[in-house]
Amino acid sequence: MDEGLSNAVKEVFVTLYEKGLIYRGQYIINWDPSTQTALSDIEVIYKDVKGAFYHMKYPLKDGSGYIEIATTRPETMLGDTAVAVHPEDERYKHLIGKKVVLPIVGREIEIIADDYVDMEFGSGAVKITPAHDPNDFEIGNRHNLERILVMNEDGTMNENADKYKGMDRFECRKQLVKDLQEDGVLFKIEEHEHSVGHSERSGAVVEPYLSTQWFVKMDPLAKQAVELQKQMIKSILYQNVLKIPI
């Protein structure tokens, strides 16, 4: 916290910003709801946890049926902005471009086609929640999908979570599952052990969370660093070892 060091950091930050190497934008980060801070990847400890796959039916807007999806985090469905299928999946080709009605919320969302979807996994249809999943975020970028945050930074549900506003994310999951079962939307719960990220600092379950952060473009900086290392190695070999031009 020395004043000289702090000023040096500010100077470097401004210089990098002016060179276009530092920018601000929205991205999915590792978020610790307990300490309410972002975490780097190395601060996330993955543990095998007994969870579940929740199988649901999203009804088609035209009343012609439904499309089945499964998720391990049903509370995030409140922020769904699409359902994705593989463009070559014969089961769903005729549904691409149609709308489904998101249960509980009642919002209409589109069925889109994206190569990311694994036709062999589950039903072959995936709920897309760009604000709460890194893969969904990338799909959302490709299809210009809305990003809807349904949680606050402390892990409680926000105003976009409809009647679950104010509830803890895990309490919301329990109540939402109950409500979906009563509505006939959730028709199967399948036990599933999966790897879940936990905060190294607090032990809390990490939430993939859409946040506005500062980022550094590392590619040009890395290239310069590698080139500098090459030049240093050449210089050392030339001057101290081989004594011949390189």
Foldseek 3Di string as FASTA:
>chain_A
DPPVVVVVVVVVVVVCVVVVQKDKDKAWFWADLAVLDTDDPVQWDKDKDKFKWWKFWFAFPVRPGTAIEIDRQVLLLLQFAEKEAACPPPVCVVQAQTWTQRPPLRDIHGYHHDNVFDVPPDPRMYTAALFFDRVSVVVCVVVVTDHDQQADSNQQGDPSSPPRHPHHSVVSRVVVSVVCVVVVGGDDIGIDIDMFIAGNVPRHTITRGIDIDMDGNCVVVVVVVVVVVVVVVQVCCCPPNVVDHD
